Amino acid sequence: KVDAATDAAPVYYMINCAHPTHFK
């Protein structure tokens, strides 16, 4: 959604404030 709305403006994405077991 962010990429579609911004023509992929962010140079990259990250994940933070969660343990790896929550999102792996």
mmCIF file of all heavy atoms, coordinates in Angstrom:
data_MODEL
# 
_entry.id   MODEL 
# 
loop_
_atom_site.group_PDB 
_atom_site.id 
_atom_site.type_symbol 
_atom_site.label_atom_id 
_atom_site.label_alt_id 
_atom_site.label_comp_id 
_atom_site.label_asym_id 
_atom_site.label_entity_id 
_atom_site.label_seq_id 
_atom_site.pdbx_PDB_ins_code 
_atom_site.Cartn_x 
_atom_site.Cartn_y 
_atom_site.Cartn_z 
_atom_site.occupancy 
_atom_site.B_iso_or_equiv 
_atom_site.pdbx_formal_charge 
_atom_site.auth_seq_id 
_atom_site.auth_comp_id 
_atom_site.auth_asym_id 
_atom_site.auth_atom_id 
_atom_site.pdbx_PDB_model_num 
ATOM 1   N N   . LYS A 1 1  ? 0.821  -1.208  0.000  1.00 0.00 ? 1  LYS A N   1 
ATOM 2   C CA  . LYS A 1 1  ? 0.000  0.000   0.000  1.00 0.00 ? 1  LYS A CA  1 
ATOM 3   C C   . LYS A 1 1  ? 0.859  1.264   0.000  1.00 0.00 ? 1  LYS A C   1 
ATOM 4   O O   . LYS A 1 1  ? 0.559  2.230   -0.706 1.00 0.00 ? 1  LYS A O   1 
ATOM 5   C CB  . LYS A 1 1  ? -0.944 -0.006  1.196  1.00 0.00 ? 1  LYS A CB  1 
ATOM 6   C CG  . LYS A 1 1  ? -2.105 -0.978  1.067  1.00 0.00 ? 1  LYS A CG  1 
ATOM 7   C CD  . LYS A 1 1  ? -2.985 -0.960  2.311  1.00 0.00 ? 1  LYS A CD  1 
ATOM 8   C CE  . LYS A 1 1  ? -4.147 -1.942  2.188  1.00 0.00 ? 1  LYS A CE  1 
ATOM 9   N NZ  . LYS A 1 1  ? -4.989 -1.956  3.422  1.00 0.00 ? 1  LYS A NZ  1 
ATOM 10  N N   . VAL A 1 2  ? 1.909  1.269   0.812  1.00 0.00 ? 2  VAL A N   1 
ATOM 11  C CA  . VAL A 1 2  ? 2.791  2.440   0.841  1.00 0.00 ? 2  VAL A CA  1 
ATOM 12  C C   . VAL A 1 2  ? 3.492  2.608   -0.500 1.00 0.00 ? 2  VAL A C   1 
ATOM 13  O O   . VAL A 1 2  ? 3.566  3.715   -1.052 1.00 0.00 ? 2  VAL A O   1 
ATOM 14  C CB  . VAL A 1 2  ? 3.822  2.341   1.986  1.00 0.00 ? 2  VAL A CB  1 
ATOM 15  C CG1 . VAL A 1 2  ? 4.814  3.504   1.916  1.00 0.00 ? 2  VAL A CG1 1 
ATOM 16  C CG2 . VAL A 1 2  ? 3.119  2.341   3.343  1.00 0.00 ? 2  VAL A CG2 1 
ATOM 17  N N   . ASP A 1 3  ? 3.992  1.531   -1.053 1.00 0.00 ? 3  ASP A N   1 
ATOM 18  C CA  . ASP A 1 3  ? 4.658  1.610   -2.357 1.00 0.00 ? 3  ASP A CA  1 
ATOM 19  C C   . ASP A 1 3  ? 3.708  2.099   -3.446 1.00 0.00 ? 3  ASP A C   1 
ATOM 20  O O   . ASP A 1 3  ? 4.074  2.934   -4.291 1.00 0.00 ? 3  ASP A O   1 
ATOM 21  C CB  . ASP A 1 3  ? 5.239  0.248   -2.742 1.00 0.00 ? 3  ASP A CB  1 
ATOM 22  C CG  . ASP A 1 3  ? 6.642  0.028   -2.204 1.00 0.00 ? 3  ASP A CG  1 
ATOM 23  O OD1 . ASP A 1 3  ? 7.229  0.989   -1.665 1.00 0.00 ? 3  ASP A OD1 1 
ATOM 24  O OD2 . ASP A 1 3  ? 7.168  -1.094  -2.326 1.00 0.00 ? 3  ASP A OD2 1 
ATOM 25  N N   . ALA A 1 4  ? 2.472  1.614   -3.434 1.00 0.00 ? 4  ALA A N   1 
ATOM 26  C CA  . ALA A 1 4  ? 1.509  2.010   -4.456 1.00 0.00 ? 4  ALA A CA  1 
ATOM 27  C C   . ALA A 1 4  ? 1.142  3.485   -4.334 1.00 0.00 ? 4  ALA A C   1 
ATOM 28  O O   . ALA A 1 4  ? 0.978  4.180   -5.341 1.00 0.00 ? 4  ALA A O   1 
ATOM 29  C CB  . ALA A 1 4  ? 0.249  1.147   -4.348 1.00 0.00 ? 4  ALA A CB  1 
ATOM 30  N N   . ALA A 1 5  ? 1.035  3.978   -3.105 1.00 0.00 ? 5  ALA A N   1 
ATOM 31  C CA  . ALA A 1 5  ? 0.617  5.366   -2.886 1.00 0.00 ? 5  ALA A CA  1 
ATOM 32  C C   . ALA A 1 5  ? 1.740  6.368   -3.098 1.00 0.00 ? 5  ALA A C   1 
ATOM 33  O O   . ALA A 1 5  ? 1.488  7.559   -3.317 1.00 0.00 ? 5  ALA A O   1 
ATOM 34  C CB  . ALA A 1 5  ? 0.053  5.523   -1.472 1.00 0.00 ? 5  ALA A CB  1 
ATOM 35  N N   . THR A 1 6  ? 2.992  5.902   -3.036 1.00 0.00 ? 6  THR A N   1 
ATOM 36  C CA  . THR A 1 6  ? 4.128  6.826   -3.085 1.00 0.00 ? 6  THR A CA  1 
ATOM 37  C C   . THR A 1 6  ? 5.065  6.570   -4.258 1.00 0.00 ? 6  THR A C   1 
ATOM 38  O O   . THR A 1 6  ? 6.148  7.161   -4.313 1.00 0.00 ? 6  THR A O   1 
ATOM 39  C CB  . THR A 1 6  ? 4.954  6.718   -1.790 1.00 0.00 ? 6  THR A CB  1 
ATOM 40  O OG1 . THR A 1 6  ? 5.531  5.401   -1.711 1.00 0.00 ? 6  THR A OG1 1 
ATOM 41  C CG2 . THR A 1 6  ? 4.104  6.985   -0.556 1.00 0.00 ? 6  THR A CG2 1 
ATOM 42  N N   . ASP A 1 7  ? 4.670  5.707   -5.185 1.00 0.00 ? 7  ASP A N   1 
ATOM 43  C CA  . ASP A 1 7  ? 5.580  5.295   -6.260 1.00 0.00 ? 7  ASP A CA  1 
ATOM 44  C C   . ASP A 1 7  ? 6.877  4.736   -5.686 1.00 0.00 ? 7  ASP A C   1 
ATOM 45  O O   . ASP A 1 7  ? 7.977  5.047   -6.148 1.00 0.00 ? 7  ASP A O   1 
ATOM 46  C CB  . ASP A 1 7  ? 5.883  6.466   -7.208 1.00 0.00 ? 7  ASP A CB  1 
ATOM 47  C CG  . ASP A 1 7  ? 4.653  6.920   -7.973 1.00 0.00 ? 7  ASP A CG  1 
ATOM 48  O OD1 . ASP A 1 7  ? 3.814  6.067   -8.310 1.00 0.00 ? 7  ASP A OD1 1 
ATOM 49  O OD2 . ASP A 1 7  ? 4.522  8.138   -8.204 1.00 0.00 ? 7  ASP A OD2 1 
ATOM 50  N N   . ALA A 1 8  ? 6.724  3.916   -4.634 1.00 0.00 ? 8  ALA A N   1 
ATOM 51  C CA  . ALA A 1 8  ? 7.863  3.253   -3.978 1.00 0.00 ? 8  ALA A CA  1 
ATOM 52  C C   . ALA A 1 8  ? 8.902  4.252   -3.487 1.00 0.00 ? 8  ALA A C   1 
ATOM 53  O O   . ALA A 1 8  ? 10.109 4.067   -3.675 1.00 0.00 ? 8  ALA A O   1 
ATOM 54  C CB  . ALA A 1 8  ? 8.495  2.220   -4.901 1.00 0.00 ? 8  ALA A CB  1 
ATOM 55  N N   . ALA A 1 9  ? 8.419  5.311   -2.826 1.00 0.00 ? 9  ALA A N   1 
ATOM 56  C CA  . ALA A 1 9  ? 9.327  6.353   -2.345 1.00 0.00 ? 9  ALA A CA  1 
ATOM 57  C C   . ALA A 1 9  ? 10.310 5.870   -1.279 1.00 0.00 ? 9  ALA A C   1 
ATOM 58  O O   . ALA A 1 9  ? 11.485 6.255   -1.305 1.00 0.00 ? 9  ALA A O   1 
ATOM 59  C CB  . ALA A 1 9  ? 8.534  7.548   -1.824 1.00 0.00 ? 9  ALA A CB  1 
ATOM 60  N N   . PRO A 1 10 ? 9.900  5.052   -0.303 1.00 0.00 ? 10 PRO A N   1 
ATOM 61  C CA  . PRO A 1 10 ? 10.882 4.599   0.694  1.00 0.00 ? 10 PRO A CA  1 
ATOM 62  C C   . PRO A 1 10 ? 12.009 3.799   0.029  1.00 0.00 ? 10 PRO A C   1 
ATOM 63  O O   . PRO A 1 10 ? 11.758 2.961   -0.837 1.00 0.00 ? 10 PRO A O   1 
ATOM 64  C CB  . PRO A 1 10 ? 10.056 3.705   1.634  1.00 0.00 ? 10 PRO A CB  1 
ATOM 65  C CG  . PRO A 1 10 ? 8.651  4.174   1.468  1.00 0.00 ? 10 PRO A CG  1 
ATOM 66  C CD  . PRO A 1 10 ? 8.535  4.565   0.025  1.00 0.00 ? 10 PRO A CD  1 
ATOM 67  N N   . VAL A 1 11 ? 13.232 4.043   0.458  1.00 0.00 ? 11 VAL A N   1 
ATOM 68  C CA  . VAL A 1 11 ? 14.347 3.298   -0.127 1.00 0.00 ? 11 VAL A CA  1 
ATOM 69  C C   . VAL A 1 11 ? 14.349 1.851   0.369  1.00 0.00 ? 11 VAL A C   1 
ATOM 70  O O   . VAL A 1 11 ? 14.852 0.961   -0.307 1.00 0.00 ? 11 VAL A O   1 
ATOM 71  C CB  . VAL A 1 11 ? 15.708 3.965   0.173  1.00 0.00 ? 11 VAL A CB  1 
ATOM 72  C CG1 . VAL A 1 11 ? 15.861 5.246   -0.622 1.00 0.00 ? 11 VAL A CG1 1 
ATOM 73  C CG2 . VAL A 1 11 ? 15.879 4.237   1.658  1.00 0.00 ? 11 VAL A CG2 1 
ATOM 74  N N   . TYR A 1 12 ? 13.798 1.632   1.564  1.00 0.00 ? 12 TYR A N   1 
ATOM 75  C CA  . TYR A 1 12 ? 13.604 0.274   2.059  1.00 0.00 ? 12 TYR A CA  1 
ATOM 76  C C   . TYR A 1 12 ? 12.662 0.304   3.254  1.00 0.00 ? 12 TYR A C   1 
ATOM 77  O O   . TYR A 1 12 ? 12.286 1.373   3.754  1.00 0.00 ? 12 TYR A O   1 
ATOM 78  C CB  . TYR A 1 12 ? 14.928 -0.410  2.426  1.00 0.00 ? 12 TYR A CB  1 
ATOM 79  C CG  . TYR A 1 12 ? 15.785 0.275   3.472  1.00 0.00 ? 12 TYR A CG  1 
ATOM 80  C CD1 . TYR A 1 12 ? 15.605 0.033   4.831  1.00 0.00 ? 12 TYR A CD1 1 
ATOM 81  C CD2 . TYR A 1 12 ? 16.829 1.126   3.092  1.00 0.00 ? 12 TYR A CD2 1 
ATOM 82  C CE1 . TYR A 1 12 ? 16.410 0.632   5.784  1.00 0.00 ? 12 TYR A CE1 1 
ATOM 83  C CE2 . TYR A 1 12 ? 17.637 1.726   4.035  1.00 0.00 ? 12 TYR A CE2 1 
ATOM 84  C CZ  . TYR A 1 12 ? 17.424 1.483   5.386  1.00 0.00 ? 12 TYR A CZ  1 
ATOM 85  O OH  . TYR A 1 12 ? 18.220 2.089   6.318  1.00 0.00 ? 12 TYR A OH  1 
ATOM 86  N N   . TYR A 1 13 ? 12.300 -0.906  3.696  1.00 0.00 ? 13 TYR A N   1 
ATOM 87  C CA  . TYR A 1 13 ? 11.420 -1.055  4.853  1.00 0.00 ? 13 TYR A CA  1 
ATOM 88  C C   . TYR A 1 13 ? 12.144 -1.821  5.952  1.00 0.00 ? 13 TYR A C   1 
ATOM 89  O O   . TYR A 1 13 ? 13.117 -2.537  5.702  1.00 0.00 ? 13 TYR A O   1 
ATOM 90  C CB  . TYR A 1 13 ? 10.146 -1.805  4.466  1.00 0.00 ? 13 TYR A CB  1 
ATOM 91  C CG  . TYR A 1 13 ? 9.234  -1.011  3.564  1.00 0.00 ? 13 TYR A CG  1 
ATOM 92  C CD1 . TYR A 1 13 ? 9.391  -1.061  2.174  1.00 0.00 ? 13 TYR A CD1 1 
ATOM 93  C CD2 . TYR A 1 13 ? 8.234  -0.196  4.082  1.00 0.00 ? 13 TYR A CD2 1 
ATOM 94  C CE1 . TYR A 1 13 ? 8.574  -0.326  1.340  1.00 0.00 ? 13 TYR A CE1 1 
ATOM 95  C CE2 . TYR A 1 13 ? 7.407  0.542   3.246  1.00 0.00 ? 13 TYR A CE2 1 
ATOM 96  C CZ  . TYR A 1 13 ? 7.580  0.475   1.877  1.00 0.00 ? 13 TYR A CZ  1 
ATOM 97  O OH  . TYR A 1 13 ? 6.768  1.212   1.046  1.00 0.00 ? 13 TYR A OH  1 
ATOM 98  N N   . MET A 1 14 ? 11.617 -1.664  7.170  1.00 0.00 ? 14 MET A N   1 
ATOM 99  C CA  . MET A 1 14 ? 12.150 -2.388  8.314  1.00 0.00 ? 14 MET A CA  1 
ATOM 100 C C   . MET A 1 14 ? 10.985 -2.901  9.159  1.00 0.00 ? 14 MET A C   1 
ATOM 101 O O   . MET A 1 14 ? 9.839  -2.503  8.972  1.00 0.00 ? 14 MET A O   1 
ATOM 102 C CB  . MET A 1 14 ? 13.038 -1.470  9.163  1.00 0.00 ? 14 MET A CB  1 
ATOM 103 C CG  . MET A 1 14 ? 14.249 -0.918  8.438  1.00 0.00 ? 14 MET A CG  1 
ATOM 104 S SD  . MET A 1 14 ? 15.226 0.210   9.470  1.00 0.00 ? 14 MET A SD  1 
ATOM 105 C CE  . MET A 1 14 ? 15.801 -0.894  10.751 1.00 0.00 ? 14 MET A CE  1 
ATOM 106 N N   . ILE A 1 15 ? 11.314 -3.764  10.096 1.00 0.00 ? 15 ILE A N   1 
ATOM 107 C CA  . ILE A 1 15 ? 10.372 -4.210  11.123 1.00 0.00 ? 15 ILE A CA  1 
ATOM 108 C C   . ILE A 1 15 ? 11.028 -3.951  12.472 1.00 0.00 ? 15 ILE A C   1 
ATOM 109 O O   . ILE A 1 15 ? 12.208 -4.269  12.662 1.00 0.00 ? 15 ILE A O   1 
ATOM 110 C CB  . ILE A 1 15 ? 10.043 -5.709  10.985 1.00 0.00 ? 15 ILE A CB  1 
ATOM 111 C CG1 . ILE A 1 15 ? 9.452  -6.003  9.606  1.00 0.00 ? 15 ILE A CG1 1 
ATOM 112 C CG2 . ILE A 1 15 ? 9.075  -6.153  12.089 1.00 0.00 ? 15 ILE A CG2 1 
ATOM 113 C CD1 . ILE A 1 15 ? 9.318  -7.494  9.315  1.00 0.00 ? 15 ILE A CD1 1 
ATOM 114 N N   . ASN A 1 16 ? 10.282 -3.347  13.398 1.00 0.00 ? 16 ASN A N   1 
ATOM 115 C CA  . ASN A 1 16 ? 10.858 -3.081  14.711 1.00 0.00 ? 16 ASN A CA  1 
ATOM 116 C C   . ASN A 1 16 ? 9.820  -3.270  15.817 1.00 0.00 ? 16 ASN A C   1 
ATOM 117 O O   . ASN A 1 16 ? 8.620  -3.375  15.565 1.00 0.00 ? 16 ASN A O   1 
ATOM 118 C CB  . ASN A 1 16 ? 11.468 -1.681  14.793 1.00 0.00 ? 16 ASN A CB  1 
ATOM 119 C CG  . ASN A 1 16 ? 10.454 -0.594  15.069 1.00 0.00 ? 16 ASN A CG  1 
ATOM 120 O OD1 . ASN A 1 16 ? 9.647  -0.260  14.207 1.00 0.00 ? 16 ASN A OD1 1 
ATOM 121 N ND2 . ASN A 1 16 ? 10.484 -0.032  16.265 1.00 0.00 ? 16 ASN A ND2 1 
ATOM 122 N N   . CYS A 1 17 ? 10.309 -3.306  17.037 1.00 0.00 ? 17 CYS A N   1 
ATOM 123 C CA  . CYS A 1 17 ? 9.487  -3.381  18.248 1.00 0.00 ? 17 CYS A CA  1 
ATOM 124 C C   . CYS A 1 17 ? 8.577  -4.610  18.252 1.00 0.00 ? 17 CYS A C   1 
ATOM 125 O O   . CYS A 1 17 ? 7.398  -4.531  18.602 1.00 0.00 ? 17 CYS A O   1 
ATOM 126 C CB  . CYS A 1 17 ? 8.671  -2.105  18.437 1.00 0.00 ? 17 CYS A CB  1 
ATOM 127 S SG  . CYS A 1 17 ? 8.328  -1.770  20.197 1.00 0.00 ? 17 CYS A SG  1 
ATOM 128 N N   . ALA A 1 18 ? 9.132  -5.738  17.858 1.00 0.00 ? 18 ALA A N   1 
ATOM 129 C CA  . ALA A 1 18 ? 8.458  -7.029  17.926 1.00 0.00 ? 18 ALA A CA  1 
ATOM 130 C C   . ALA A 1 18 ? 9.540  -8.104  17.946 1.00 0.00 ? 18 ALA A C   1 
ATOM 131 O O   . ALA A 1 18 ? 10.627 -7.905  17.397 1.00 0.00 ? 18 ALA A O   1 
ATOM 132 C CB  . ALA A 1 18 ? 7.529  -7.237  16.734 1.00 0.00 ? 18 ALA A CB  1 
ATOM 133 N N   . HIS A 1 19 ? 9.264  -9.213  18.585 1.00 0.00 ? 19 HIS A N   1 
ATOM 134 C CA  . HIS A 1 19 ? 10.240 -10.305 18.639 1.00 0.00 ? 19 HIS A CA  1 
ATOM 135 C C   . HIS A 1 19 ? 10.191 -11.096 17.334 1.00 0.00 ? 19 HIS A C   1 
ATOM 136 O O   . HIS A 1 19 ? 9.131  -11.198 16.702 1.00 0.00 ? 19 HIS A O   1 
ATOM 137 C CB  . HIS A 1 19 ? 9.914  -11.222 19.822 1.00 0.00 ? 19 HIS A CB  1 
ATOM 138 C CG  . HIS A 1 19 ? 10.991 -12.183 20.150 1.00 0.00 ? 19 HIS A CG  1 
ATOM 139 N ND1 . HIS A 1 19 ? 11.014 -13.477 19.648 1.00 0.00 ? 19 HIS A ND1 1 
ATOM 140 C CD2 . HIS A 1 19 ? 12.112 -12.063 20.917 1.00 0.00 ? 19 HIS A CD2 1 
ATOM 141 C CE1 . HIS A 1 19 ? 12.088 -14.098 20.103 1.00 0.00 ? 19 HIS A CE1 1 
ATOM 142 N NE2 . HIS A 1 19 ? 12.769 -13.273 20.869 1.00 0.00 ? 19 HIS A NE2 1 
ATOM 143 N N   . PRO A 1 20 ? 11.320 -11.653 16.887 1.00 0.00 ? 20 PRO A N   1 
ATOM 144 C CA  . PRO A 1 20 ? 11.316 -12.421 15.632 1.00 0.00 ? 20 PRO A CA  1 
ATOM 145 C C   . PRO A 1 20 ? 10.252 -13.513 15.569 1.00 0.00 ? 20 PRO A C   1 
ATOM 146 O O   . PRO A 1 20 ? 9.725  -13.801 14.487 1.00 0.00 ? 20 PRO A O   1 
ATOM 147 C CB  . PRO A 1 20 ? 12.732 -13.012 15.586 1.00 0.00 ? 20 PRO A CB  1 
ATOM 148 C CG  . PRO A 1 20 ? 13.577 -12.003 16.301 1.00 0.00 ? 20 PRO A CG  1 
ATOM 149 C CD  . PRO A 1 20 ? 12.705 -11.502 17.418 1.00 0.00 ? 20 PRO A CD  1 
ATOM 150 N N   . THR A 1 21 ? 9.920  -14.114 16.706 1.00 0.00 ? 21 THR A N   1 
ATOM 151 C CA  . THR A 1 21 ? 8.894  -15.152 16.686 1.00 0.00 ? 21 THR A CA  1 
ATOM 152 C C   . THR A 1 21 ? 7.514  -14.596 16.351 1.00 0.00 ? 21 THR A C   1 
ATOM 153 O O   . THR A 1 21 ? 6.613  -15.348 15.980 1.00 0.00 ? 21 THR A O   1 
ATOM 154 C CB  . THR A 1 21 ? 8.817  -15.873 18.050 1.00 0.00 ? 21 THR A CB  1 
ATOM 155 O OG1 . THR A 1 21 ? 8.570  -14.907 19.093 1.00 0.00 ? 21 THR A OG1 1 
ATOM 156 C CG2 . THR A 1 21 ? 10.106 -16.614 18.344 1.00 0.00 ? 21 THR A CG2 1 
ATOM 157 N N   . HIS A 1 22 ? 7.346  -13.285 16.477 1.00 0.00 ? 22 HIS A N   1 
ATOM 158 C CA  . HIS A 1 22 ? 6.054  -12.675 16.166 1.00 0.00 ? 22 HIS A CA  1 
ATOM 159 C C   . HIS A 1 22 ? 5.836  -12.488 14.664 1.00 0.00 ? 22 HIS A C   1 
ATOM 160 O O   . HIS A 1 22 ? 4.692  -12.441 14.220 1.00 0.00 ? 22 HIS A O   1 
ATOM 161 C CB  . HIS A 1 22 ? 5.942  -11.302 16.850 1.00 0.00 ? 22 HIS A CB  1 
ATOM 162 C CG  . HIS A 1 22 ? 6.010  -11.360 18.339 1.00 0.00 ? 22 HIS A CG  1 
ATOM 163 N ND1 . HIS A 1 22 ? 6.199  -10.241 19.117 1.00 0.00 ? 22 HIS A ND1 1 
ATOM 164 C CD2 . HIS A 1 22 ? 5.930  -12.415 19.201 1.00 0.00 ? 22 HIS A CD2 1 
ATOM 165 C CE1 . HIS A 1 22 ? 6.233  -10.589 20.396 1.00 0.00 ? 22 HIS A CE1 1 
ATOM 166 N NE2 . HIS A 1 22 ? 6.087  -11.905 20.468 1.00 0.00 ? 22 HIS A NE2 1 
ATOM 167 N N   . PHE A 1 23 ? 6.923  -12.361 13.920 1.00 0.00 ? 23 PHE A N   1 
ATOM 168 C CA  . PHE A 1 23 ? 6.740  -12.028 12.499 1.00 0.00 ? 23 PHE A CA  1 
ATOM 169 C C   . PHE A 1 23 ? 7.436  -12.956 11.514 1.00 0.00 ? 23 PHE A C   1 
ATOM 170 O O   . PHE A 1 23 ? 7.258  -12.819 10.308 1.00 0.00 ? 23 PHE A O   1 
ATOM 171 C CB  . PHE A 1 23 ? 7.185  -10.583 12.226 1.00 0.00 ? 23 PHE A CB  1 
ATOM 172 C CG  . PHE A 1 23 ? 8.610  -10.260 12.612 1.00 0.00 ? 23 PHE A CG  1 
ATOM 173 C CD1 . PHE A 1 23 ? 9.670  -10.606 11.792 1.00 0.00 ? 23 PHE A CD1 1 
ATOM 174 C CD2 . PHE A 1 23 ? 8.893  -9.581  13.788 1.00 0.00 ? 23 PHE A CD2 1 
ATOM 175 C CE1 . PHE A 1 23 ? 10.979 -10.294 12.134 1.00 0.00 ? 23 PHE A CE1 1 
ATOM 176 C CE2 . PHE A 1 23 ? 10.200 -9.252  14.144 1.00 0.00 ? 23 PHE A CE2 1 
ATOM 177 C CZ  . PHE A 1 23 ? 11.236 -9.616  13.323 1.00 0.00 ? 23 PHE A CZ  1 
ATOM 178 N N   . LYS A 1 24 ? 8.200  -13.922 11.997 1.00 0.00 ? 24 LYS A N   1 
ATOM 179 C CA  . LYS A 1 24 ? 8.957  -14.755 11.053 1.00 0.00 ? 24 LYS A CA  1 
ATOM 180 C C   . LYS A 1 24 ? 8.034  -15.519 10.103 1.00 0.00 ? 24 LYS A C   1 
ATOM 181 O O   . LYS A 1 24 ? 8.351  -15.694 8.926  1.00 0.00 ? 24 LYS A O   1 
ATOM 182 C CB  . LYS A 1 24 ? 9.884  -15.706 11.797 1.00 0.00 ? 24 LYS A CB  1 
ATOM 183 C CG  . LYS A 1 24 ? 9.168  -16.786 12.601 1.00 0.00 ? 24 LYS A CG  1 
ATOM 184 C CD  . LYS A 1 24 ? 10.170 -17.769 13.193 1.00 0.00 ? 24 LYS A CD  1 
ATOM 185 C CE  . LYS A 1 24 ? 9.427  -18.897 13.927 1.00 0.00 ? 24 LYS A CE  1 
ATOM 186 N NZ  . LYS A 1 24 ? 10.378 -19.902 14.454 1.00 0.00 ? 24 LYS A NZ  1 
# 
